[in-house]
PDB file of N, CA and C in Angstrom:
ATOM      1  N   UNK A   1     -74.530 -30.628  80.298  1.00  0.00           N
ATOM      2  CA  UNK A   1     -75.886 -30.904  79.897  1.00  0.00           C
ATOM      3  C   UNK A   1     -76.409 -29.816  78.945  1.00  0.00           C
ATOM      4  N   UNK A   2     -76.007 -28.586  79.192  1.00  0.00           N
ATOM      5  CA  UNK A   2     -76.459 -27.498  78.330  1.00  0.00           C
ATOM      6  C   UNK A   2     -75.887 -27.677  76.931  1.00  0.00           C
ATOM      7  N   UNK A   3     -74.611 -27.986  76.849  1.00  0.00           N
ATOM      8  CA  UNK A   3     -73.986 -28.198  75.547  1.00  0.00           C
ATOM      9  C   UNK A   3     -74.648 -29.361  74.815  1.00  0.00           C
ATOM     10  N   UNK A   4     -74.938 -30.423  75.522  1.00  0.00           N
ATOM     11  CA  UNK A   4     -75.609 -31.575  74.900  1.00  0.00           C
ATOM     12  C   UNK A   4     -76.988 -31.187  74.377  1.00  0.00           C
ATOM     13  N   UNK A   5     -77.709 -30.378  75.143  1.00  0.00           N
ATOM     14  CA  UNK A   5     -79.031 -29.928  74.695  1.00  0.00           C
ATOM     15  C   UNK A   5     -78.905 -29.075  73.436  1.00  0.00           C
ATOM     16  N   UNK A   6     -77.932 -28.176  73.413  1.00  0.00           N
ATOM     17  CA  UNK A   6     -77.724 -27.331  72.232  1.00  0.00           C
ATOM     18  C   UNK A   6     -77.288 -28.158  71.033  1.00  0.00           C
ATOM     19  N   UNK A   7     -76.478 -29.182  71.270  1.00  0.00           N
ATOM     20  CA  UNK A   7     -76.054 -30.054  70.182  1.00  0.00           C
ATOM     21  C   UNK A   7     -77.226 -30.825  69.589  1.00  0.00           C
ATOM     22  N   UNK A   8     -78.274 -30.994  70.364  1.00  0.00           N
ATOM     23  CA  UNK A   8     -79.503 -31.628  69.874  1.00  0.00           C
ATOM     24  C   UNK A   8     -80.511 -30.578  69.386  1.00  0.00           C
ATOM     25  N   UNK A   9     -80.076 -29.314  69.342  1.00  0.00           N
ATOM     26  CA  UNK A   9     -80.880 -28.171  68.889  1.00  0.00           C
ATOM     27  C   UNK A   9     -82.112 -27.940  69.767  1.00  0.00           C
ATOM     28  N   UNK A  10     -81.966 -28.195  71.071  1.00  0.00           N
ATOM     29  CA  UNK A  10     -83.046 -27.954  72.023  1.00  0.00           C
ATOM     30  C   UNK A  10     -82.840 -26.599  72.690  1.00  0.00           C
ATOM     31  N   UNK A  11     -83.827 -25.754  72.585  1.00  0.00           N
ATOM     32  CA  UNK A  11     -83.805 -24.463  73.261  1.00  0.00           C
ATOM     33  C   UNK A  11     -84.127 -24.696  74.737  1.00  0.00           C
ATOM     34  N   UNK A  12     -83.872 -23.691  75.587  1.00  0.00           N
ATOM     35  CA  UNK A  12     -84.092 -23.888  77.023  1.00  0.00           C
ATOM     36  C   UNK A  12     -85.498 -24.386  77.380  1.00  0.00           C
ATOM     37  N   UNK A  13     -86.520 -23.810  76.776  1.00  0.00           N
ATOM     38  CA  UNK A  13     -87.887 -24.236  77.102  1.00  0.00           C
ATOM     39  C   UNK A  13     -88.153 -25.667  76.641  1.00  0.00           C
ATOM     40  N   UNK A  14     -87.567 -26.068  75.529  1.00  0.00           N
ATOM     41  CA  UNK A  14     -87.729 -27.444  75.045  1.00  0.00           C
ATOM     42  C   UNK A  14     -87.022 -28.430  75.969  1.00  0.00           C
ATOM     43  N   UNK A  15     -85.833 -28.058  76.420  1.00  0.00           N
ATOM     44  CA  UNK A  15     -85.111 -28.922  77.347  1.00  0.00           C
ATOM     45  C   UNK A  15     -85.862 -29.032  78.666  1.00  0.00           C
ATOM     46  N   UNK A  16     -86.377 -27.906  79.161  1.00  0.00           N
ATOM     47  CA  UNK A  16     -87.118 -27.909  80.434  1.00  0.00           C
ATOM     48  C   UNK A  16     -88.363 -28.784  80.349  1.00  0.00           C
ATOM     49  N   UNK A  17     -88.999 -28.800  79.187  1.00  0.00           N
ATOM     50  CA  UNK A  17     -90.236 -29.571  79.026  1.00  0.00           C
ATOM     51  C   UNK A  17     -90.015 -31.081  79.149  1.00  0.00           C
ATOM     52  N   UNK A  18     -88.805 -31.536  78.861  1.00  0.00           N
ATOM     53  CA  UNK A  18     -88.530 -32.976  78.925  1.00  0.00           C
ATOM     54  C   UNK A  18     -87.594 -33.350  80.075  1.00  0.00           C
ATOM     55  N   UNK A  19     -87.244 -32.373  80.916  1.00  0.00           N
ATOM     56  CA  UNK A  19     -86.348 -32.639  82.050  1.00  0.00           C
ATOM     57  C   UNK A  19     -87.023 -33.596  83.027  1.00  0.00           C
ATOM     58  N   UNK A  20     -86.266 -34.615  83.426  1.00  0.00           N
ATOM     59  CA  UNK A  20     -86.775 -35.617  84.362  1.00  0.00           C
ATOM     60  C   UNK A  20     -85.973 -35.535  85.651  1.00  0.00           C
ATOM     61  N   UNK A  21     -86.647 -35.484  86.751  1.00  0.00           N
ATOM     62  CA  UNK A  21     -85.975 -35.493  88.046  1.00  0.00           C
ATOM     63  C   UNK A  21     -85.377 -34.158  88.414  1.00  0.00           C
ATOM     64  N   UNK A  22     -84.946 -34.039  89.660  1.00  0.00           N
ATOM     65  CA  UNK A  22     -84.434 -32.752  90.165  1.00  0.00           C
ATOM     66  C   UNK A  22     -83.126 -32.309  89.507  1.00  0.00           C
ATOM     67  N   UNK A  23     -82.250 -33.252  89.164  1.00  0.00           N
ATOM     68  CA  UNK A  23     -80.973 -32.875  88.546  1.00  0.00           C
ATOM     69  C   UNK A  23     -81.199 -32.234  87.181  1.00  0.00           C
ATOM     70  N   UNK A  24     -81.988 -32.885  86.334  1.00  0.00           N
ATOM     71  CA  UNK A  24     -82.252 -32.335  85.000  1.00  0.00           C
ATOM     72  C   UNK A  24     -83.080 -31.056  85.083  1.00  0.00           C
ATOM     73  N   UNK A  25     -83.973 -30.964  86.061  1.00  0.00           N
ATOM     74  CA  UNK A  25     -84.760 -29.739  86.212  1.00  0.00           C
ATOM     75  C   UNK A  25     -83.863 -28.569  86.629  1.00  0.00           C
ATOM     76  N   UNK A  26     -82.921 -28.858  87.513  1.00  0.00           N
ATOM     77  CA  UNK A  26     -81.957 -27.814  87.906  1.00  0.00           C
ATOM     78  C   UNK A  26     -81.121 -27.397  86.695  1.00  0.00           C
ATOM     79  N   UNK A  27     -80.692 -28.374  85.904  1.00  0.00           N
ATOM     80  CA  UNK A  27     -79.931 -28.064  84.685  1.00  0.00           C
ATOM     81  C   UNK A  27     -80.771 -27.216  83.737  1.00  0.00           C
ATOM     82  N   UNK A  28     -82.057 -27.516  83.638  1.00  0.00           N
ATOM     83  CA  UNK A  28     -82.949 -26.732  82.779  1.00  0.00           C
ATOM     84  C   UNK A  28     -83.059 -25.294  83.276  1.00  0.00           C
ATOM     85  N   UNK A  29     -83.165 -25.131  84.588  1.00  0.00           N
ATOM     86  CA  UNK A  29     -83.238 -23.773  85.167  1.00  0.00           C
ATOM     87  C   UNK A  29     -81.949 -23.003  84.898  1.00  0.00           C
ATOM     88  N   UNK A  30     -80.811 -23.682  85.044  1.00  0.00           N
ATOM     89  CA  UNK A  30     -79.520 -23.048  84.780  1.00  0.00           C
ATOM     90  C   UNK A  30     -79.420 -22.677  83.306  1.00  0.00           C
ATOM     91  N   UNK A  31     -79.869 -23.563  82.433  1.00  0.00           N
ATOM     92  CA  UNK A  31     -79.846 -23.309  80.980  1.00  0.00           C
ATOM     93  C   UNK A  31     -80.658 -22.053  80.648  1.00  0.00           C
ATOM     94  N   UNK A  32     -81.842 -21.937  81.231  1.00  0.00           N
ATOM     95  CA  UNK A  32     -82.693 -20.761  80.997  1.00  0.00           C
ATOM     96  C   UNK A  32     -81.968 -19.490  81.452  1.00  0.00           C
ATOM     97  N   UNK A  33     -81.423 -19.510  82.671  1.00  0.00           N
ATOM     98  CA  UNK A  33     -80.714 -18.339  83.201  1.00  0.00           C
ATOM     99  C   UNK A  33     -79.449 -18.035  82.395  1.00  0.00           C
ATOM    100  N   UNK A  34     -78.739 -19.077  81.999  1.00  0.00           N
ATOM    101  CA  UNK A  34     -77.515 -18.930  81.208  1.00  0.00           C
ATOM    102  C   UNK A  34     -77.806 -18.232  79.887  1.00  0.00           C
ATOM    103  N   UNK A  35     -78.864 -18.650  79.202  1.00  0.00           N
ATOM    104  CA  UNK A  35     -79.212 -18.022  77.924  1.00  0.00           C
ATOM    105  C   UNK A  35     -79.629 -16.560  78.121  1.00  0.00           C
ATOM    106  N   UNK A  36     -80.313 -16.293  79.218  1.00  0.00           N
ATOM    107  CA  UNK A  36     -80.692 -14.895  79.508  1.00  0.00           C
ATOM    108  C   UNK A  36     -79.447 -14.035  79.702  1.00  0.00           C
ATOM    109  N   UNK A  37     -78.450 -14.566  80.418  1.00  0.00           N
ATOM    110  CA  UNK A  37     -77.210 -13.823  80.634  1.00  0.00           C
ATOM    111  C   UNK A  37     -76.442 -13.616  79.324  1.00  0.00           C
ATOM    112  N   UNK A  38     -76.393 -14.649  78.497  1.00  0.00           N
ATOM    113  CA  UNK A  38     -75.740 -14.490  77.198  1.00  0.00           C
ATOM    114  C   UNK A  38     -76.428 -13.394  76.386  1.00  0.00           C
ATOM    115  N   UNK A  39     -77.745 -13.447  76.349  1.00  0.00           N
ATOM    116  CA  UNK A  39     -78.490 -12.445  75.571  1.00  0.00           C
ATOM    117  C   UNK A  39     -78.279 -11.045  76.147  1.00  0.00           C
ATOM    118  N   UNK A  40     -78.306 -10.934  77.461  1.00  0.00           N
ATOM    119  CA  UNK A  40     -78.094  -9.640  78.120  1.00  0.00           C
ATOM    120  C   UNK A  40     -76.733  -9.046  77.743  1.00  0.00           C
ATOM    121  N   UNK A  41     -75.741  -9.914  77.576  1.00  0.00           N
ATOM    122  CA  UNK A  41     -74.389  -9.469  77.264  1.00  0.00           C
ATOM    123  C   UNK A  41     -74.072  -9.503  75.771  1.00  0.00           C
ATOM    124  N   UNK A  42     -75.114  -9.721  74.952  1.00  0.00           N
ATOM    125  CA  UNK A  42     -74.939  -9.795  73.497  1.00  0.00           C
ATOM    126  C   UNK A  42     -73.827 -10.783  73.144  1.00  0.00           C
ATOM    127  N   UNK A  43     -73.896 -11.951  73.773  1.00  0.00           N
ATOM    128  CA  UNK A  43     -72.840 -12.956  73.610  1.00  0.00           C
ATOM    129  C   UNK A  43     -73.415 -14.285  73.122  1.00  0.00           C
ATOM    130  N   UNK A  44     -72.537 -15.085  72.541  1.00  0.00           N
ATOM    131  CA  UNK A  44     -72.869 -16.454  72.136  1.00  0.00           C
ATOM    132  C   UNK A  44     -71.783 -17.366  72.677  1.00  0.00           C
ATOM    133  N   UNK A  45     -72.152 -18.583  73.002  1.00  0.00           N
ATOM    134  CA  UNK A  45     -71.128 -19.568  73.315  1.00  0.00           C
ATOM    135  C   UNK A  45     -70.858 -20.385  72.054  1.00  0.00           C
ATOM    136  N   UNK A  46     -69.922 -21.312  72.126  1.00  0.00           N
ATOM    137  CA  UNK A  46     -69.533 -22.067  70.936  1.00  0.00           C
ATOM    138  C   UNK A  46     -70.722 -22.798  70.313  1.00  0.00           C
ATOM    139  N   UNK A  47     -71.528 -23.451  71.149  1.00  0.00           N
ATOM    140  CA  UNK A  47     -72.671 -24.208  70.626  1.00  0.00           C
ATOM    141  C   UNK A  47     -73.698 -23.289  69.958  1.00  0.00           C
ATOM    142  N   UNK A  48     -73.812 -22.065  70.468  1.00  0.00           N
ATOM    143  CA  UNK A  48     -74.739 -21.105  69.856  1.00  0.00           C
ATOM    144  C   UNK A  48     -74.315 -20.721  68.442  1.00  0.00           C
ATOM    145  N   UNK A  49     -73.023 -20.738  68.168  1.00  0.00           N
ATOM    146  CA  UNK A  49     -72.557 -20.366  66.830  1.00  0.00           C
ATOM    147  C   UNK A  49     -73.213 -21.251  65.767  1.00  0.00           C
ATOM    148  N   UNK A  50     -73.325 -22.527  66.063  1.00  0.00           N
ATOM    149  CA  UNK A  50     -73.964 -23.446  65.122  1.00  0.00           C
ATOM    150  C   UNK A  50     -75.481 -23.338  65.212  1.00  0.00           C
ATOM    151  N   UNK A  51     -76.001 -23.359  66.430  1.00  0.00           N
ATOM    152  CA  UNK A  51     -77.457 -23.343  66.623  1.00  0.00           C
ATOM    153  C   UNK A  51     -78.092 -22.079  66.029  1.00  0.00           C
ATOM    154  N   UNK A  52     -77.492 -20.939  66.288  1.00  0.00           N
ATOM    155  CA  UNK A  52     -78.040 -19.675  65.772  1.00  0.00           C
ATOM    156  C   UNK A  52     -77.901 -19.578  64.252  1.00  0.00           C
ATOM    157  N   UNK A  53     -76.838 -20.164  63.710  1.00  0.00           N
ATOM    158  CA  UNK A  53     -76.675 -20.183  62.253  1.00  0.00           C
ATOM    159  C   UNK A  53     -77.793 -20.993  61.614  1.00  0.00           C
ATOM    160  N   UNK A  54     -78.106 -22.132  62.189  1.00  0.00           N
ATOM    161  CA  UNK A  54     -79.198 -22.960  61.680  1.00  0.00           C
ATOM    162  C   UNK A  54     -80.519 -22.200  61.766  1.00  0.00           C
ATOM    163  N   UNK A  55     -80.748 -21.540  62.893  1.00  0.00           N
ATOM    164  CA  UNK A  55     -81.976 -20.746  63.049  1.00  0.00           C
ATOM    165  C   UNK A  55     -82.043 -19.655  61.980  1.00  0.00           C
ATOM    166  N   UNK A  56     -80.933 -18.956  61.759  1.00  0.00           N
ATOM    167  CA  UNK A  56     -80.890 -17.908  60.738  1.00  0.00           C
ATOM    168  C   UNK A  56     -81.210 -18.473  59.362  1.00  0.00           C
ATOM    169  N   UNK A  57     -80.590 -19.586  59.007  1.00  0.00           N
ATOM    170  CA  UNK A  57     -80.823 -20.199  57.701  1.00  0.00           C
ATOM    171  C   UNK A  57     -82.286 -20.583  57.517  1.00  0.00           C
ATOM    172  N   UNK A  58     -82.941 -21.022  58.574  1.00  0.00           N
ATOM    173  CA  UNK A  58     -84.348 -21.428  58.470  1.00  0.00           C
ATOM    174  C   UNK A  58     -85.293 -20.233  58.402  1.00  0.00           C
ATOM    175  N   UNK A  59     -84.927 -19.147  59.077  1.00  0.00           N
ATOM    176  CA  UNK A  59     -85.783 -17.957  59.108  1.00  0.00           C
ATOM    177  C   UNK A  59     -85.562 -17.071  57.886  1.00  0.00           C
ATOM    178  N   UNK A  60     -84.326 -17.015  57.401  1.00  0.00           N
ATOM    179  CA  UNK A  60     -83.985 -16.157  56.264  1.00  0.00           C
ATOM    180  C   UNK A  60     -83.353 -17.028  55.171  1.00  0.00           C
ATOM    181  N   UNK A  61     -84.167 -17.666  54.345  1.00  0.00           N
ATOM    182  CA  UNK A  61     -83.645 -18.584  53.338  1.00  0.00           C
ATOM    183  C   UNK A  61     -82.662 -17.945  52.357  1.00  0.00           C
ATOM    184  N   UNK A  62     -82.747 -16.640  52.161  1.00  0.00           N
ATOM    185  CA  UNK A  62     -81.823 -15.960  51.255  1.00  0.00           C
ATOM    186  C   UNK A  62     -80.389 -16.038  51.781  1.00  0.00           C
ATOM    187  N   UNK A  63     -80.237 -16.000  53.091  1.00  0.00           N
ATOM    188  CA  UNK A  63     -78.900 -16.113  53.687  1.00  0.00           C
ATOM    189  C   UNK A  63     -78.367 -17.529  53.457  1.00  0.00           C
ATOM    190  N   UNK A  64     -79.212 -18.526  53.670  1.00  0.00           N
ATOM    191  CA  UNK A  64     -78.812 -19.904  53.397  1.00  0.00           C
ATOM    192  C   UNK A  64     -78.408 -20.053  51.937  1.00  0.00           C
ATOM    193  N   UNK A  65     -79.194 -19.518  51.030  1.00  0.00           N
ATOM    194  CA  UNK A  65     -78.884 -19.626  49.597  1.00  0.00           C
ATOM    195  C   UNK A  65     -77.548 -18.973  49.269  1.00  0.00           C
ATOM    196  N   UNK A  66     -77.268 -17.823  49.883  1.00  0.00           N
ATOM    197  CA  UNK A  66     -75.990 -17.148  49.673  1.00  0.00           C
ATOM    198  C   UNK A  66     -74.827 -18.081  50.024  1.00  0.00           C
ATOM    199  N   UNK A  67     -74.902 -18.721  51.196  1.00  0.00           N
ATOM    200  CA  UNK A  67     -73.810 -19.595  51.627  1.00  0.00           C
ATOM    201  C   UNK A  67     -73.796 -20.916  50.869  1.00  0.00           C
ATOM    202  N   UNK A  68     -74.933 -21.387  50.437  1.00  0.00           N
ATOM    203  CA  UNK A  68     -74.947 -22.583  49.598  1.00  0.00           C
ATOM    204  C   UNK A  68     -74.203 -22.322  48.290  1.00  0.00           C
ATOM    205  N   UNK A  69     -74.415 -21.137  47.711  1.00  0.00           N
ATOM    206  CA  UNK A  69     -73.726 -20.789  46.468  1.00  0.00           C
ATOM    207  C   UNK A  69     -72.232 -20.568  46.714  1.00  0.00           C
ATOM    208  N   UNK A  70     -71.895 -20.035  47.870  1.00  0.00           N
ATOM    209  CA  UNK A  70     -70.503 -19.736  48.203  1.00  0.00           C
ATOM    210  C   UNK A  70     -69.685 -21.005  48.431  1.00  0.00           C
ATOM    211  N   UNK A  71     -70.300 -22.014  49.024  1.00  0.00           N
ATOM    212  CA  UNK A  71     -69.595 -23.249  49.364  1.00  0.00           C
ATOM    213  C   UNK A  71     -70.184 -24.408  48.576  1.00  0.00           C
ATOM    214  N   UNK A  72     -69.692 -24.582  47.363  1.00  0.00           N
ATOM    215  CA  UNK A  72     -70.211 -25.646  46.509  1.00  0.00           C
ATOM    216  C   UNK A  72     -69.744 -27.018  47.000  1.00  0.00           C
ATOM    217  N   UNK A  73     -68.538 -27.076  47.541  1.00  0.00           N
ATOM    218  CA  UNK A  73     -68.009 -28.336  48.068  1.00  0.00           C
ATOM    219  C   UNK A  73     -67.758 -28.180  49.563  1.00  0.00           C
ATOM    220  N   UNK A  74     -68.179 -29.157  50.318  1.00  0.00           N
ATOM    221  CA  UNK A  74     -68.011 -29.124  51.772  1.00  0.00           C
ATOM    222  C   UNK A  74     -67.300 -30.403  52.202  1.00  0.00           C
ATOM    223  N   UNK A  75     -66.182 -30.243  52.862  1.00  0.00           N
ATOM    224  CA  UNK A  75     -65.375 -31.371  53.343  1.00  0.00           C
ATOM    225  C   UNK A  75     -65.558 -31.449  54.854  1.00  0.00           C
ATOM    226  N   UNK A  76     -66.028 -32.591  55.338  1.00  0.00           N
ATOM    227  CA  UNK A  76     -66.199 -32.804  56.775  1.00  0.00           C
ATOM    228  C   UNK A  76     -65.294 -33.951  57.194  1.00  0.00           C
ATOM    229  N   UNK A  77     -64.236 -33.632  57.910  1.00  0.00           N
ATOM    230  CA  UNK A  77     -63.328 -34.655  58.419  1.00  0.00           C
ATOM    231  C   UNK A  77     -63.859 -35.137  59.770  1.00  0.00           C
ATOM    232  N   UNK A  78     -63.515 -36.361  60.122  1.00  0.00           N
ATOM    233  CA  UNK A  78     -63.975 -36.961  61.383  1.00  0.00           C
ATOM    234  C   UNK A  78     -65.505 -36.920  61.481  1.00  0.00           C
ATOM    235  N   UNK A  79     -66.154 -37.223  60.369  1.00  0.00           N
ATOM    236  CA  UNK A  79     -67.619 -37.156  60.273  1.00  0.00           C
ATOM    237  C   UNK A  79     -68.312 -37.980  61.347  1.00  0.00           C
ATOM    238  N   UNK A  80     -67.691 -39.085  61.748  1.00  0.00           N
ATOM    239  CA  UNK A  80     -68.323 -39.946  62.748  1.00  0.00           C
ATOM    240  C   UNK A  80     -68.459 -39.244  64.096  1.00  0.00           C
ATOM    241  N   UNK A  81     -67.746 -38.141  64.288  1.00  0.00           N
ATOM    242  CA  UNK A  81     -67.805 -37.408  65.549  1.00  0.00           C
ATOM    243  C   UNK A  81     -68.752 -36.212  65.510  1.00  0.00           C
ATOM    244  N   UNK A  82     -69.484 -36.028  64.419  1.00  0.00           N
ATOM    245  CA  UNK A  82     -70.388 -34.883  64.340  1.00  0.00           C
ATOM    246  C   UNK A  82     -71.606 -35.119  65.229  1.00  0.00           C
ATOM    247  N   UNK A  83     -72.124 -34.034  65.768  1.00  0.00           N
ATOM    248  CA  UNK A  83     -73.352 -34.127  66.552  1.00  0.00           C
ATOM    249  C   UNK A  83     -74.534 -33.701  65.663  1.00  0.00           C
ATOM    250  N   UNK A  84     -75.723 -33.726  66.218  1.00  0.00           N
ATOM    251  CA  UNK A  84     -76.918 -33.437  65.423  1.00  0.00           C
ATOM    252  C   UNK A  84     -76.873 -32.027  64.831  1.00  0.00           C
ATOM    253  N   UNK A  85     -76.477 -31.049  65.624  1.00  0.00           N
ATOM    254  CA  UNK A  85     -76.448 -29.669  65.133  1.00  0.00           C
ATOM    255  C   UNK A  85     -75.468 -29.529  63.964  1.00  0.00           C
ATOM    256  N   UNK A  86     -74.298 -30.120  64.083  1.00  0.00           N
ATOM    257  CA  UNK A  86     -73.316 -30.064  62.998  1.00  0.00           C
ATOM    258  C   UNK A  86     -73.843 -30.777  61.757  1.00  0.00           C
ATOM    259  N   UNK A  87     -74.503 -31.909  61.964  1.00  0.00           N
ATOM    260  CA  UNK A  87     -75.085 -32.672  60.854  1.00  0.00           C
ATOM    261  C   UNK A  87     -76.129 -31.827  60.116  1.00  0.00           C
ATOM    262  N   UNK A  88     -77.001 -31.173  60.866  1.00  0.00           N
ATOM    263  CA  UNK A  88     -78.043 -30.340  60.255  1.00  0.00           C
ATOM    264  C   UNK A  88     -77.410 -29.187  59.483  1.00  0.00           C
ATOM    265  N   UNK A  89     -76.418 -28.532  60.066  1.00  0.00           N
ATOM    266  CA  UNK A  89     -75.756 -27.409  59.400  1.00  0.00           C
ATOM    267  C   UNK A  89     -75.118 -27.845  58.081  1.00  0.00           C
ATOM    268  N   UNK A  90     -74.377 -28.939  58.097  1.00  0.00           N
ATOM    269  CA  UNK A  90     -73.731 -29.428  56.880  1.00  0.00           C
ATOM    270  C   UNK A  90     -74.774 -29.775  55.825  1.00  0.00           C
ATOM    271  N   UNK A  91     -75.844 -30.424  56.237  1.00  0.00           N
ATOM    272  CA  UNK A  91     -76.872 -30.797  55.275  1.00  0.00           C
ATOM    273  C   UNK A  91     -77.596 -29.594  54.686  1.00  0.00           C
ATOM    274  N   UNK A  92     -77.820 -28.568  55.490  1.00  0.00           N
ATOM    275  CA  UNK A  92     -78.419 -27.345  54.953  1.00  0.00           C
ATOM    276  C   UNK A  92     -77.504 -26.718  53.895  1.00  0.00           C
ATOM    277  N   UNK A  93     -76.218 -26.630  54.220  1.00  0.00           N
ATOM    278  CA  UNK A  93     -75.269 -26.018  53.285  1.00  0.00           C
ATOM    279  C   UNK A  93     -75.094 -26.845  52.021  1.00  0.00           C
ATOM    280  N   UNK A  94     -75.086 -28.162  52.155  1.00  0.00           N
ATOM    281  CA  UNK A  94     -74.806 -29.037  51.014  1.00  0.00           C
ATOM    282  C   UNK A  94     -76.041 -29.331  50.166  1.00  0.00           C
ATOM    283  N   UNK A  95     -77.196 -28.926  50.614  1.00  0.00           N
ATOM    284  CA  UNK A  95     -78.441 -29.309  49.950  1.00  0.00           C
ATOM    285  C   UNK A  95     -78.535 -28.815  48.505  1.00  0.00           C
ATOM    286  N   UNK A  96     -77.970 -27.681  48.211  1.00  0.00           N
ATOM    287  CA  UNK A  96     -78.082 -27.120  46.853  1.00  0.00           C
ATOM    288  C   UNK A  96     -77.359 -27.961  45.809  1.00  0.00           C
ATOM    289  N   UNK A  97     -76.104 -28.301  46.078  1.00  0.00           N
ATOM    290  CA  UNK A  97     -75.297 -29.015  45.096  1.00  0.00           C
ATOM    291  C   UNK A  97     -75.157 -30.507  45.397  1.00  0.00           C
ATOM    292  N   UNK A  98     -75.520 -30.908  46.594  1.00  0.00           N
ATOM    293  CA  UNK A  98     -75.383 -32.319  47.013  1.00  0.00           C
ATOM    294  C   UNK A  98     -73.939 -32.798  46.835  1.00  0.00           C
ATOM    295  N   UNK A  99     -72.986 -31.953  47.244  1.00  0.00           N
ATOM    296  CA  UNK A  99     -71.581 -32.269  46.998  1.00  0.00           C
ATOM    297  C   UNK A  99     -70.744 -32.257  48.270  1.00  0.00           C
ATOM    298  N   UNK A 100     -71.286 -32.717  49.370  1.00  0.00           N
ATOM    299  CA  UNK A 100     -70.466 -32.771  50.578  1.00  0.00           C
ATOM    300  C   UNK A 100     -69.570 -33.999  50.523  1.00  0.00           C
ATOM    301  N   UNK A 101     -68.390 -33.874  51.102  1.00  0.00           N
ATOM    302  CA  UNK A 101     -67.441 -34.973  51.198  1.00  0.00           C
ATOM    303  C   UNK A 101     -67.296 -35.285  52.674  1.00  0.00           C
ATOM    304  N   UNK A 102     -67.676 -36.489  53.063  1.00  0.00           N
ATOM    305  CA  UNK A 102     -67.667 -36.869  54.470  1.00  0.00           C
ATOM    306  C   UNK A 102     -66.588 -37.912  54.695  1.00  0.00           C
ATOM    307  N   UNK A 103     -65.661 -37.622  55.602  1.00  0.00           N
ATOM    308  CA  UNK A 103     -64.558 -38.528  55.860  1.00  0.00           C
ATOM    309  C   UNK A 103     -64.603 -39.013  57.296  1.00  0.00           C
ATOM    310  N   UNK A 104     -64.420 -40.302  57.480  1.00  0.00           N
ATOM    311  CA  UNK A 104     -64.320 -40.884  58.809  1.00  0.00           C
ATOM    312  C   UNK A 104     -62.925 -41.438  58.992  1.00  0.00           C
ATOM    313  N   UNK A 105     -62.695 -42.005  60.145  1.00  0.00           N
ATOM    314  CA  UNK A 105     -61.383 -42.597  60.392  1.00  0.00           C
ATOM    315  C   UNK A 105     -61.463 -44.111  60.190  1.00  0.00           C
ATOM    316  N   UNK A 106     -60.327 -44.698  59.840  1.00  0.00           N
ATOM    317  CA  UNK A 106     -60.263 -46.154  59.747  1.00  0.00           C
ATOM    318  C   UNK A 106     -60.183 -46.721  61.151  1.00  0.00           C
ATOM    319  N   UNK A 107     -60.762 -47.863  61.362  1.00  0.00           N
ATOM    320  CA  UNK A 107     -60.796 -48.472  62.692  1.00  0.00           C
ATOM    321  C   UNK A 107     -59.398 -48.753  63.225  1.00  0.00           C
ATOM    322  N   UNK A 108     -58.494 -49.303  62.426  1.00  0.00           N
ATOM    323  CA  UNK A 108     -57.157 -49.599  62.911  1.00  0.00           C
ATOM    324  C   UNK A 108     -56.131 -48.579  62.424  1.00  0.00           C
ATOM    325  N   UNK A 109     -56.489 -47.328  62.563  1.00  0.00           N
ATOM    326  CA  UNK A 109     -55.564 -46.247  62.214  1.00  0.00           C
ATOM    327  C   UNK A 109     -54.429 -46.229  63.222  1.00  0.00           C
ATOM    328  N   UNK A 110     -53.223 -46.006  62.759  1.00  0.00           N
ATOM    329  CA  UNK A 110     -52.096 -45.903  63.676  1.00  0.00           C
ATOM    330  C   UNK A 110     -51.455 -44.531  63.525  1.00  0.00           C
ATOM    331  N   UNK A 111     -50.838 -44.102  64.588  1.00  0.00           N
ATOM    332  CA  UNK A 111     -50.176 -42.797  64.591  1.00  0.00           C
ATOM    333  C   UNK A 111     -48.683 -43.033  64.476  1.00  0.00           C
ATOM    334  N   UNK A 112     -48.055 -42.416  63.495  1.00  0.00           N
ATOM    335  CA  UNK A 112     -46.622 -42.605  63.247  1.00  0.00           C
ATOM    336  C   UNK A 112     -45.817 -42.214  64.477  1.00  0.00           C
ATOM    337  N   UNK A 113     -44.901 -43.084  64.833  1.00  0.00           N
ATOM    338  CA  UNK A 113     -43.986 -42.768  65.936  1.00  0.00           C
ATOM    339  C   UNK A 113     -44.483 -43.220  67.296  1.00  0.00           C
ATOM    340  N   UNK A 114     -45.741 -43.533  67.462  1.00  0.00           N
ATOM    341  CA  UNK A 114     -46.258 -43.953  68.761  1.00  0.00           C
ATOM    342  C   UNK A 114     -45.793 -45.372  69.031  1.00  0.00           C
ATOM    343  N   UNK A 115     -45.180 -45.599  70.172  1.00  0.00           N
ATOM    344  CA  UNK A 115     -44.730 -46.922  70.557  1.00  0.00           C
ATOM    345  C   UNK A 115     -43.395 -47.314  69.963  1.00  0.00           C
ATOM    346  N   UNK A 116     -42.800 -46.449  69.179  1.00  0.00           N
ATOM    347  CA  UNK A 116     -41.498 -46.771  68.586  1.00  0.00           C
ATOM    348  C   UNK A 116     -40.397 -46.223  69.472  1.00  0.00           C
ATOM    349  N   UNK A 117     -39.315 -46.945  69.524  1.00  0.00           N
ATOM    350  CA  UNK A 117     -38.181 -46.456  70.324  1.00  0.00           C
ATOM    351  C   UNK A 117     -37.003 -46.147  69.458  1.00  0.00           C
TER     352      UNK A 117
END
C-alpha cells in the first residue's frame, strides 16, 4: 500500500487524509512511521528515488532544466506498465524538447523458444 501511494505521488499525510477503514488507517500510520525511519537513517526506498526527484525538479527548476538539456531524447520501453510517478518524471524531463519515445508491447507478442521442443 505504501508503494502504491508513492507511485501516485501521495505523501504520508495525504494518504492518511483519504484512508478509509481500519486497514487503510493502519497502513497510513505505518507509512508515516516508515518515512520517519527513512529520514532518520538518511535513506530512500526505490519509490522515493522517483518521488524525491520529482519534488526536486518542482522546487529547483534549474536542476530540471539541467537534466532536460542533458537528455534530449528519452526512450521508455514497456510504457503501458508505467505508474503515475514514472509518467510525471518522464513528462517533466521530455517537456523541453518534446522528444520522448514511448514503446509498448504488441498484444500477441511471442517469446522465441517457448513451447518448442
